[in-house]
Amino acid sequence: MSKAKKSFDEKIWELLAKIPRGKVTTYKLLAKAAGNANAARAVGNACNKNPDSPKVPCHRVVGSDGSIGGYAHGIRAKIALLAKEGVVVRRGKVQDFNRCLYKF
């Protein structure tokens, strides 16, 4: 019996679980890690549909320039979750972005 092929969303949720506390990654890096570097918007959609948030940490995904981006539970909640993990956000961007960036 063969395993069912994982959907793109399921791949994203698996990758999200690998991002450590206190780190962020980008929609583009997640798309690339899932096998489609041009699917950053699809990553955003997968994050929005994440059935296990915040346990599966979609709040750790930000724009390529460190901007916060969207969050299904609201931007304030995303910033609060990141702050609990030691990620500083000012004026809508992650401070010390390069230090906080997680690459797959």
PDB file of N, CA and C in Angstrom:
ATOM      1  N   MET A   1       0.849  -1.183   0.000  1.00  0.00           N
ATOM      2  CA  MET A   1       0.000   0.000   0.000  1.00  0.00           C
ATOM      3  C   MET A   1       0.896   1.248   0.000  1.00  0.00           C
ATOM      4  N   SER A   2       0.641   2.174  -0.907  1.00  0.00           N
ATOM      5  CA  SER A   2       1.468   3.377  -0.996  1.00  0.00           C
ATOM      6  C   SER A   2       0.872   4.504  -0.156  1.00  0.00           C
ATOM      7  N   LYS A   3       1.757   5.407   0.240  1.00  0.00           N
ATOM      8  CA  LYS A   3       1.309   6.563   1.004  1.00  0.00           C
ATOM      9  C   LYS A   3       0.625   7.559   0.076  1.00  0.00           C
ATOM     10  N   ALA A   4      -0.390   8.213   0.581  1.00  0.00           N
ATOM     11  CA  ALA A   4      -1.051   9.254  -0.197  1.00  0.00           C
ATOM     12  C   ALA A   4      -0.107  10.443  -0.338  1.00  0.00           C
ATOM     13  N   LYS A   5      -0.124  11.060  -1.507  1.00  0.00           N
ATOM     14  CA  LYS A   5       0.730  12.223  -1.744  1.00  0.00           C
ATOM     15  C   LYS A   5       0.239  13.394  -0.890  1.00  0.00           C
ATOM     16  N   LYS A   6       1.179  14.089  -0.267  1.00  0.00           N
ATOM     17  CA  LYS A   6       0.826  15.234   0.581  1.00  0.00           C
ATOM     18  C   LYS A   6       0.438  16.425  -0.283  1.00  0.00           C
ATOM     19  N   SER A   7      -0.547  17.154   0.186  1.00  0.00           N
ATOM     20  CA  SER A   7      -0.925  18.384  -0.499  1.00  0.00           C
ATOM     21  C   SER A   7       0.135  19.449  -0.221  1.00  0.00           C
ATOM     22  N   PHE A   8       0.114  20.496  -1.021  1.00  0.00           N
ATOM     23  CA  PHE A   8       1.042  21.604  -0.814  1.00  0.00           C
ATOM     24  C   PHE A   8       0.859  22.177   0.593  1.00  0.00           C
ATOM     25  N   ASP A   9      -0.388  22.354   1.011  1.00  0.00           N
ATOM     26  CA  ASP A   9      -0.673  22.892   2.338  1.00  0.00           C
ATOM     27  C   ASP A   9      -0.052  22.015   3.425  1.00  0.00           C
ATOM     28  N   GLU A  10      -0.202  20.701   3.290  1.00  0.00           N
ATOM     29  CA  GLU A  10       0.368  19.782   4.282  1.00  0.00           C
ATOM     30  C   GLU A  10       1.891  19.875   4.328  1.00  0.00           C
ATOM     31  N   LYS A  11       2.521  20.051   3.178  1.00  0.00           N
ATOM     32  CA  LYS A  11       3.983  20.231   3.139  1.00  0.00           C
ATOM     33  C   LYS A  11       4.370  21.496   3.909  1.00  0.00           C
ATOM     34  N   ILE A  12       3.604  22.550   3.673  1.00  0.00           N
ATOM     35  CA  ILE A  12       3.885  23.821   4.355  1.00  0.00           C
ATOM     36  C   ILE A  12       3.728  23.655   5.860  1.00  0.00           C
ATOM     37  N   TRP A  13       2.671  23.005   6.304  1.00  0.00           N
ATOM     38  CA  TRP A  13       2.443  22.830   7.740  1.00  0.00           C
ATOM     39  C   TRP A  13       3.560  22.006   8.376  1.00  0.00           C
ATOM     40  N   GLU A  14       4.063  21.009   7.658  1.00  0.00           N
ATOM     41  CA  GLU A  14       5.200  20.224   8.169  1.00  0.00           C
ATOM     42  C   GLU A  14       6.443  21.096   8.303  1.00  0.00           C
ATOM     43  N   LEU A  15       6.696  21.918   7.295  1.00  0.00           N
ATOM     44  CA  LEU A  15       7.857  22.802   7.336  1.00  0.00           C
ATOM     45  C   LEU A  15       7.720  23.844   8.446  1.00  0.00           C
ATOM     46  N   LEU A  16       6.529  24.365   8.642  1.00  0.00           N
ATOM     47  CA  LEU A  16       6.299  25.346   9.701  1.00  0.00           C
ATOM     48  C   LEU A  16       6.711  24.793  11.063  1.00  0.00           C
ATOM     49  N   ALA A  17       6.421  23.534  11.279  1.00  0.00           N
ATOM     50  CA  ALA A  17       6.733  22.902  12.565  1.00  0.00           C
ATOM     51  C   ALA A  17       8.228  22.847  12.841  1.00  0.00           C
ATOM     52  N   LYS A  18       9.048  23.026  11.814  1.00  0.00           N
ATOM     53  CA  LYS A  18      10.510  22.971  11.971  1.00  0.00           C
ATOM     54  C   LYS A  18      11.129  24.315  12.350  1.00  0.00           C
ATOM     55  N   ILE A  19      10.365  25.384  12.239  1.00  0.00           N
ATOM     56  CA  ILE A  19      10.906  26.723  12.542  1.00  0.00           C
ATOM     57  C   ILE A  19      11.010  26.869  14.056  1.00  0.00           C
ATOM     58  N   PRO A  20      12.222  27.087  14.566  1.00  0.00           N
ATOM     59  CA  PRO A  20      12.386  27.178  16.028  1.00  0.00           C
ATOM     60  C   PRO A  20      11.805  28.463  16.627  1.00  0.00           C
ATOM     61  N   ARG A  21      11.493  28.394  17.901  1.00  0.00           N
ATOM     62  CA  ARG A  21      11.060  29.585  18.642  1.00  0.00           C
ATOM     63  C   ARG A  21      12.120  30.676  18.489  1.00  0.00           C
ATOM     64  N   GLY A  22      11.661  31.900  18.375  1.00  0.00           N
ATOM     65  CA  GLY A  22      12.590  33.016  18.280  1.00  0.00           C
ATOM     66  C   GLY A  22      13.158  33.233  16.889  1.00  0.00           C
ATOM     67  N   LYS A  23      12.685  32.461  15.926  1.00  0.00           N
ATOM     68  CA  LYS A  23      13.132  32.594  14.539  1.00  0.00           C
ATOM     69  C   LYS A  23      11.932  32.870  13.655  1.00  0.00           C
ATOM     70  N   VAL A  24      12.183  33.449  12.502  1.00  0.00           N
ATOM     71  CA  VAL A  24      11.155  33.656  11.487  1.00  0.00           C
ATOM     72  C   VAL A  24      11.711  33.177  10.158  1.00  0.00           C
ATOM     73  N   THR A  25      10.828  32.902   9.228  1.00  0.00           N
ATOM     74  CA  THR A  25      11.222  32.605   7.864  1.00  0.00           C
ATOM     75  C   THR A  25      10.314  33.394   6.948  1.00  0.00           C
ATOM     76  N   THR A  26      10.565  33.322   5.658  1.00  0.00           N
ATOM     77  CA  THR A  26       9.760  34.092   4.714  1.00  0.00           C
ATOM     78  C   THR A  26       8.838  33.177   3.917  1.00  0.00           C
ATOM     79  N   TYR A  27       7.822  33.788   3.340  1.00  0.00           N
ATOM     80  CA  TYR A  27       6.901  33.048   2.479  1.00  0.00           C
ATOM     81  C   TYR A  27       7.680  32.426   1.318  1.00  0.00           C
ATOM     82  N   LYS A  28       8.617  33.180   0.767  1.00  0.00           N
ATOM     83  CA  LYS A  28       9.405  32.707  -0.378  1.00  0.00           C
ATOM     84  C   LYS A  28      10.299  31.524   0.007  1.00  0.00           C
ATOM     85  N   LEU A  29      10.974  31.608   1.153  1.00  0.00           N
ATOM     86  CA  LEU A  29      11.831  30.501   1.589  1.00  0.00           C
ATOM     87  C   LEU A  29      11.009  29.237   1.847  1.00  0.00           C
ATOM     88  N   LEU A  30       9.825  29.404   2.404  1.00  0.00           N
ATOM     89  CA  LEU A  30       8.941  28.256   2.634  1.00  0.00           C
ATOM     90  C   LEU A  30       8.499  27.643   1.309  1.00  0.00           C
ATOM     91  N   ALA A  31       8.142  28.495   0.355  1.00  0.00           N
ATOM     92  CA  ALA A  31       7.719  28.007  -0.957  1.00  0.00           C
ATOM     93  C   ALA A  31       8.842  27.202  -1.610  1.00  0.00           C
ATOM     94  N   LYS A  32      10.045  27.732  -1.542  1.00  0.00           N
ATOM     95  CA  LYS A  32      11.210  27.050  -2.124  1.00  0.00           C
ATOM     96  C   LYS A  32      11.447  25.704  -1.427  1.00  0.00           C
ATOM     97  N   ALA A  33      11.356  25.688  -0.112  1.00  0.00           N
ATOM     98  CA  ALA A  33      11.571  24.454   0.655  1.00  0.00           C
ATOM     99  C   ALA A  33      10.497  23.409   0.334  1.00  0.00           C
ATOM    100  N   ALA A  34       9.303  23.868  -0.063  1.00  0.00           N
ATOM    101  CA  ALA A  34       8.210  22.954  -0.403  1.00  0.00           C
ATOM    102  C   ALA A  34       8.282  22.502  -1.858  1.00  0.00           C
ATOM    103  N   GLY A  35       9.247  23.055  -2.603  1.00  0.00           N
ATOM    104  CA  GLY A  35       9.438  22.601  -3.974  1.00  0.00           C
ATOM    105  C   GLY A  35       8.911  23.506  -5.059  1.00  0.00           C
ATOM    106  N   ASN A  36       8.428  24.705  -4.711  1.00  0.00           N
ATOM    107  CA  ASN A  36       7.934  25.637  -5.719  1.00  0.00           C
ATOM    108  C   ASN A  36       8.266  27.063  -5.297  1.00  0.00           C
ATOM    109  N   ALA A  37       9.422  27.535  -5.729  1.00  0.00           N
ATOM    110  CA  ALA A  37       9.919  28.851  -5.325  1.00  0.00           C
ATOM    111  C   ALA A  37       8.988  30.002  -5.703  1.00  0.00           C
ATOM    112  N   ASN A  38       8.077  29.770  -6.653  1.00  0.00           N
ATOM    113  CA  ASN A  38       7.164  30.825  -7.105  1.00  0.00           C
ATOM    114  C   ASN A  38       5.817  30.791  -6.393  1.00  0.00           C
ATOM    115  N   ALA A  39       5.700  30.018  -5.336  1.00  0.00           N
ATOM    116  CA  ALA A  39       4.403  29.815  -4.687  1.00  0.00           C
ATOM    117  C   ALA A  39       4.266  30.544  -3.357  1.00  0.00           C
ATOM    118  N   ALA A  40       4.878  31.716  -3.227  1.00  0.00           N
ATOM    119  CA  ALA A  40       4.812  32.449  -1.959  1.00  0.00           C
ATOM    120  C   ALA A  40       3.373  32.767  -1.554  1.00  0.00           C
ATOM    121  N   ARG A  41       2.529  33.121  -2.524  1.00  0.00           N
ATOM    122  CA  ARG A  41       1.118  33.402  -2.197  1.00  0.00           C
ATOM    123  C   ARG A  41       0.397  32.158  -1.713  1.00  0.00           C
ATOM    124  N   ALA A  42       0.719  31.028  -2.318  1.00  0.00           N
ATOM    125  CA  ALA A  42       0.113  29.758  -1.889  1.00  0.00           C
ATOM    126  C   ALA A  42       0.545  29.428  -0.462  1.00  0.00           C
ATOM    127  N   VAL A  43       1.763  29.811  -0.095  1.00  0.00           N
ATOM    128  CA  VAL A  43       2.229  29.625   1.291  1.00  0.00           C
ATOM    129  C   VAL A  43       1.359  30.457   2.226  1.00  0.00           C
ATOM    130  N   GLY A  44       1.090  31.696   1.839  1.00  0.00           N
ATOM    131  CA  GLY A  44       0.225  32.550   2.644  1.00  0.00           C
ATOM    132  C   GLY A  44      -1.158  31.941   2.818  1.00  0.00           C
ATOM    133  N   ASN A  45      -1.689  31.375   1.750  1.00  0.00           N
ATOM    134  CA  ASN A  45      -2.999  30.722   1.830  1.00  0.00           C
ATOM    135  C   ASN A  45      -2.954  29.507   2.748  1.00  0.00           C
ATOM    136  N   ALA A  46      -1.879  28.728   2.650  1.00  0.00           N
ATOM    137  CA  ALA A  46      -1.729  27.548   3.522  1.00  0.00           C
ATOM    138  C   ALA A  46      -1.644  27.981   4.984  1.00  0.00           C
ATOM    139  N   CYS A  47      -0.910  29.046   5.241  1.00  0.00           N
ATOM    140  CA  CYS A  47      -0.802  29.555   6.611  1.00  0.00           C
ATOM    141  C   CYS A  47      -2.172  29.994   7.117  1.00  0.00           C
ATOM    142  N   ASN A  48      -2.929  30.645   6.266  1.00  0.00           N
ATOM    143  CA  ASN A  48      -4.256  31.123   6.647  1.00  0.00           C
ATOM    144  C   ASN A  48      -5.203  29.970   6.979  1.00  0.00           C
ATOM    145  N   LYS A  49      -4.998  28.821   6.342  1.00  0.00           N
ATOM    146  CA  LYS A  49      -5.857  27.649   6.560  1.00  0.00           C
ATOM    147  C   LYS A  49      -5.299  26.705   7.626  1.00  0.00           C
ATOM    148  N   ASN A  50      -4.180  27.053   8.224  1.00  0.00           N
ATOM    149  CA  ASN A  50      -3.513  26.198   9.206  1.00  0.00           C
ATOM    150  C   ASN A  50      -4.508  25.786  10.299  1.00  0.00           C
ATOM    151  N   PRO A  51      -4.822  24.481  10.375  1.00  0.00           N
ATOM    152  CA  PRO A  51      -5.810  24.041  11.361  1.00  0.00           C
ATOM    153  C   PRO A  51      -5.267  23.926  12.780  1.00  0.00           C
ATOM    154  N   ASP A  52      -3.963  24.061  12.936  1.00  0.00           N
ATOM    155  CA  ASP A  52      -3.347  23.823  14.245  1.00  0.00           C
ATOM    156  C   ASP A  52      -2.515  25.011  14.719  1.00  0.00           C
ATOM    157  N   SER A  53      -2.969  26.217  14.371  1.00  0.00           N
ATOM    158  CA  SER A  53      -2.275  27.437  14.782  1.00  0.00           C
ATOM    159  C   SER A  53      -2.652  27.758  16.230  1.00  0.00           C
ATOM    160  N   PRO A  54      -1.766  28.211  17.065  1.00  0.00           N
ATOM    161  CA  PRO A  54      -0.360  28.527  16.857  1.00  0.00           C
ATOM    162  C   PRO A  54       0.597  27.372  17.151  1.00  0.00           C
ATOM    163  N   LYS A  55       0.066  26.180  17.448  1.00  0.00           N
ATOM    164  CA  LYS A  55       0.957  25.043  17.685  1.00  0.00           C
ATOM    165  C   LYS A  55       1.859  24.806  16.464  1.00  0.00           C
ATOM    166  N   VAL A  56       1.269  24.854  15.283  1.00  0.00           N
ATOM    167  CA  VAL A  56       2.049  24.867  14.044  1.00  0.00           C
ATOM    168  C   VAL A  56       2.241  26.345  13.735  1.00  0.00           C
ATOM    169  N   PRO A  57       3.460  26.852  13.904  1.00  0.00           N
ATOM    170  CA  PRO A  57       3.701  28.299  14.047  1.00  0.00           C
ATOM    171  C   PRO A  57       3.713  29.133  12.767  1.00  0.00           C
ATOM    172  N   CYS A  58       2.549  29.317  12.173  1.00  0.00           N
ATOM    173  CA  CYS A  58       2.501  30.163  10.982  1.00  0.00           C
ATOM    174  C   CYS A  58       2.771  31.632  11.315  1.00  0.00           C
ATOM    175  N   HIS A  59       2.706  31.980  12.598  1.00  0.00           N
ATOM    176  CA  HIS A  59       3.029  33.361  12.998  1.00  0.00           C
ATOM    177  C   HIS A  59       4.511  33.673  12.792  1.00  0.00           C
ATOM    178  N   ARG A  60       5.322  32.655  12.533  1.00  0.00           N
ATOM    179  CA  ARG A  60       6.762  32.853  12.316  1.00  0.00           C
ATOM    180  C   ARG A  60       7.114  33.108  10.855  1.00  0.00           C
ATOM    181  N   VAL A  61       6.110  33.322  10.015  1.00  0.00           N
ATOM    182  CA  VAL A  61       6.339  33.584   8.594  1.00  0.00           C
ATOM    183  C   VAL A  61       6.114  35.064   8.314  1.00  0.00           C
ATOM    184  N   VAL A  62       7.114  35.685   7.682  1.00  0.00           N
ATOM    185  CA  VAL A  62       7.067  37.120   7.395  1.00  0.00           C
ATOM    186  C   VAL A  62       7.486  37.368   5.947  1.00  0.00           C
ATOM    187  N   GLY A  63       7.356  38.610   5.524  1.00  0.00           N
ATOM    188  CA  GLY A  63       7.777  38.991   4.185  1.00  0.00           C
ATOM    189  C   GLY A  63       9.292  38.970   4.041  1.00  0.00           C
ATOM    190  N   SER A  64       9.759  38.958   2.802  1.00  0.00           N
ATOM    191  CA  SER A  64      11.199  38.896   2.517  1.00  0.00           C
ATOM    192  C   SER A  64      11.976  40.097   3.033  1.00  0.00           C
ATOM    193  N   ASP A  65      11.261  41.193   3.302  1.00  0.00           N
ATOM    194  CA  ASP A  65      11.911  42.388   3.836  1.00  0.00           C
ATOM    195  C   ASP A  65      11.735  42.496   5.357  1.00  0.00           C
ATOM    196  N   GLY A  66      11.190  41.429   5.970  1.00  0.00           N
ATOM    197  CA  GLY A  66      10.979  41.440   7.416  1.00  0.00           C
ATOM    198  C   GLY A  66       9.638  42.004   7.839  1.00  0.00           C
ATOM    199  N   SER A  67       8.822  42.415   6.858  1.00  0.00           N
ATOM    200  CA  SER A  67       7.506  42.951   7.204  1.00  0.00           C
ATOM    201  C   SER A  67       6.613  41.829   7.725  1.00  0.00           C
ATOM    202  N   ILE A  68       5.722  42.172   8.622  1.00  0.00           N
ATOM    203  CA  ILE A  68       4.924  41.194   9.345  1.00  0.00           C
ATOM    204  C   ILE A  68       3.974  40.401   8.455  1.00  0.00           C
ATOM    205  N   GLY A  69       3.332  41.013   7.503  1.00  0.00           N
ATOM    206  CA  GLY A  69       2.375  40.288   6.663  1.00  0.00           C
ATOM    207  C   GLY A  69       1.091  40.016   7.420  1.00  0.00           C
ATOM    208  N   GLY A  70       0.281  39.130   6.903  1.00  0.00           N
ATOM    209  CA  GLY A  70      -1.009  38.840   7.512  1.00  0.00           C
ATOM    210  C   GLY A  70      -0.942  37.720   8.529  1.00  0.00           C
ATOM    211  N   TYR A  71      -2.071  37.515   9.196  1.00  0.00           N
ATOM    212  CA  TYR A  71      -2.193  36.435  10.167  1.00  0.00           C
ATOM    213  C   TYR A  71      -3.678  36.201  10.396  1.00  0.00           C
ATOM    214  N   ALA A  72      -4.106  34.955  10.354  1.00  0.00           N
ATOM    215  CA  ALA A  72      -5.529  34.622  10.474  1.00  0.00           C
ATOM    216  C   ALA A  72      -6.145  35.139  11.768  1.00  0.00           C
ATOM    217  N   HIS A  73      -5.349  35.248  12.827  1.00  0.00           N
ATOM    218  CA  HIS A  73      -5.865  35.697  14.127  1.00  0.00           C
ATOM    219  C   HIS A  73      -5.609  37.188  14.364  1.00  0.00           C
ATOM    220  N   GLY A  74      -5.131  37.881  13.338  1.00  0.00           N
ATOM    221  CA  GLY A  74      -4.892  39.314  13.430  1.00  0.00           C
ATOM    222  C   GLY A  74      -3.420  39.649  13.652  1.00  0.00           C
ATOM    223  N   ILE A  75      -3.032  40.785  13.137  1.00  0.00           N
ATOM    224  CA  ILE A  75      -1.638  41.241  13.212  1.00  0.00           C
ATOM    225  C   ILE A  75      -1.168  41.413  14.656  1.00  0.00           C
ATOM    226  N   ARG A  76      -2.020  41.967  15.501  1.00  0.00           N
ATOM    227  CA  ARG A  76      -1.628  42.168  16.907  1.00  0.00           C
ATOM    228  C   ARG A  76      -1.291  40.844  17.575  1.00  0.00           C
ATOM    229  N   ALA A  77      -2.078  39.815  17.293  1.00  0.00           N
ATOM    230  CA  ALA A  77      -1.821  38.492  17.871  1.00  0.00           C
ATOM    231  C   ALA A  77      -0.496  37.934  17.360  1.00  0.00           C
ATOM    232  N   LYS A  78      -0.225  38.141  16.067  1.00  0.00           N
ATOM    233  CA  LYS A  78       1.035  37.663  15.478  1.00  0.00           C
ATOM    234  C   LYS A  78       2.225  38.343  16.155  1.00  0.00           C
ATOM    235  N   ILE A  79       2.147  39.641  16.296  1.00  0.00           N
ATOM    236  CA  ILE A  79       3.235  40.394  16.930  1.00  0.00           C
ATOM    237  C   ILE A  79       3.410  39.967  18.386  1.00  0.00           C
ATOM    238  N   ALA A  80       2.300  39.738  19.085  1.00  0.00           N
ATOM    239  CA  ALA A  80       2.368  39.303  20.490  1.00  0.00           C
ATOM    240  C   ALA A  80       3.027  37.924  20.605  1.00  0.00           C
ATOM    241  N   LEU A  81       2.672  37.005  19.720  1.00  0.00           N
ATOM    242  CA  LEU A  81       3.290  35.672  19.736  1.00  0.00           C
ATOM    243  C   LEU A  81       4.789  35.760  19.455  1.00  0.00           C
ATOM    244  N   LEU A  82       5.154  36.579  18.476  1.00  0.00           N
ATOM    245  CA  LEU A  82       6.576  36.758  18.164  1.00  0.00           C
ATOM    246  C   LEU A  82       7.317  37.386  19.346  1.00  0.00           C
ATOM    247  N   ALA A  83       6.701  38.366  19.984  1.00  0.00           N
ATOM    248  CA  ALA A  83       7.326  39.032  21.140  1.00  0.00           C
ATOM    249  C   ALA A  83       7.565  38.040  22.274  1.00  0.00           C
ATOM    250  N   LYS A  84       6.617  37.132  22.510  1.00  0.00           N
ATOM    251  CA  LYS A  84       6.785  36.105  23.549  1.00  0.00           C
ATOM    252  C   LYS A  84       8.006  35.235  23.281  1.00  0.00           C
ATOM    253  N   GLU A  85       8.360  35.129  22.002  1.00  0.00           N
ATOM    254  CA  GLU A  85       9.493  34.304  21.601  1.00  0.00           C
ATOM    255  C   GLU A  85      10.788  35.107  21.473  1.00  0.00           C
ATOM    256  N   GLY A  86      10.715  36.398  21.774  1.00  0.00           N
ATOM    257  CA  GLY A  86      11.910  37.230  21.738  1.00  0.00           C
ATOM    258  C   GLY A  86      12.173  37.914  20.414  1.00  0.00           C
ATOM    259  N   VAL A  87      11.227  37.845  19.498  1.00  0.00           N
ATOM    260  CA  VAL A  87      11.379  38.519  18.205  1.00  0.00           C
ATOM    261  C   VAL A  87      10.796  39.922  18.341  1.00  0.00           C
ATOM    262  N   VAL A  88      11.630  40.916  18.124  1.00  0.00           N
ATOM    263  CA  VAL A  88      11.206  42.309  18.276  1.00  0.00           C
ATOM    264  C   VAL A  88      10.652  42.822  16.948  1.00  0.00           C
ATOM    265  N   VAL A  89       9.462  43.417  17.014  1.00  0.00           N
ATOM    266  CA  VAL A  89       8.817  44.001  15.841  1.00  0.00           C
ATOM    267  C   VAL A  89       8.619  45.484  16.109  1.00  0.00           C
ATOM    268  N   ARG A  90       9.107  46.301  15.189  1.00  0.00           N
ATOM    269  CA  ARG A  90       8.916  47.758  15.283  1.00  0.00           C
ATOM    270  C   ARG A  90       8.464  48.282  13.933  1.00  0.00           C
ATOM    271  N   ARG A  91       7.465  49.124  13.982  1.00  0.00           N
ATOM    272  CA  ARG A  91       6.920  49.727  12.752  1.00  0.00           C
ATOM    273  C   ARG A  91       6.599  48.669  11.697  1.00  0.00           C
ATOM    274  N   GLY A  92       6.060  47.544  12.152  1.00  0.00           N
ATOM    275  CA  GLY A  92       5.607  46.513  11.236  1.00  0.00           C
ATOM    276  C   GLY A  92       6.668  45.618  10.642  1.00  0.00           C
ATOM    277  N   LYS A  93       7.905  45.711  11.157  1.00  0.00           N
ATOM    278  CA  LYS A  93       8.996  44.877  10.637  1.00  0.00           C
ATOM    279  C   LYS A  93       9.764  44.215  11.771  1.00  0.00           C
ATOM    280  N   VAL A  94      10.290  43.026  11.465  1.00  0.00           N
ATOM    281  CA  VAL A  94      11.138  42.308  12.420  1.00  0.00           C
ATOM    282  C   VAL A  94      12.468  43.033  12.509  1.00  0.00           C
ATOM    283  N   GLN A  95      12.855  43.377  13.732  1.00  0.00           N
ATOM    284  CA  GLN A  95      14.143  44.012  13.955  1.00  0.00           C
ATOM    285  C   GLN A  95      15.218  42.931  13.989  1.00  0.00           C
ATOM    286  N   ASP A  96      16.417  43.273  13.568  1.00  0.00           N
ATOM    287  CA  ASP A  96      17.513  42.298  13.510  1.00  0.00           C
ATOM    288  C   ASP A  96      17.082  41.066  12.708  1.00  0.00           C
ATOM    289  N   PHE A  97      16.465  41.355  11.564  1.00  0.00           N
ATOM    290  CA  PHE A  97      15.881  40.336  10.698  1.00  0.00           C
ATOM    291  C   PHE A  97      16.866  39.222  10.343  1.00  0.00           C
ATOM    292  N   ASN A  98      18.080  39.579   9.971  1.00  0.00           N
ATOM    293  CA  ASN A  98      19.060  38.560   9.564  1.00  0.00           C
ATOM    294  C   ASN A  98      19.412  37.602  10.698  1.00  0.00           C
ATOM    295  N   ARG A  99      19.450  38.105  11.925  1.00  0.00           N
ATOM    296  CA  ARG A  99      19.735  37.234  13.071  1.00  0.00           C
ATOM    297  C   ARG A  99      18.570  36.286  13.346  1.00  0.00           C
ATOM    298  N   CYS A 100      17.372  36.755  13.094  1.00  0.00           N
ATOM    299  CA  CYS A 100      16.176  35.959  13.386  1.00  0.00           C
ATOM    300  C   CYS A 100      15.785  35.013  12.247  1.00  0.00           C
ATOM    301  N   LEU A 101      16.382  35.199  11.079  1.00  0.00           N
ATOM    302  CA  LEU A 101      15.944  34.455   9.891  1.00  0.00           C
ATOM    303  C   LEU A 101      16.339  32.995   9.941  1.00  0.00           C
ATOM    304  N   TYR A 102      15.365  32.123   9.735  1.00  0.00           N
ATOM    305  CA  TYR A 102      15.585  30.669   9.663  1.00  0.00           C
ATOM    306  C   TYR A 102      15.501  30.264   8.199  1.00  0.00           C
ATOM    307  N   LYS A 103      16.564  29.590   7.739  1.00  0.00           N
ATOM    308  CA  LYS A 103      16.600  29.084   6.369  1.00  0.00           C
ATOM    309  C   LYS A 103      16.565  27.568   6.382  1.00  0.00           C
ATOM    310  N   PHE A 104      15.788  27.003   5.518  1.00  0.00           N
ATOM    311  CA  PHE A 104      15.656  25.554   5.440  1.00  0.00           C
ATOM    312  C   PHE A 104      16.837  24.941   4.707  1.00  0.00           C
TER     313      PHE A 104
END
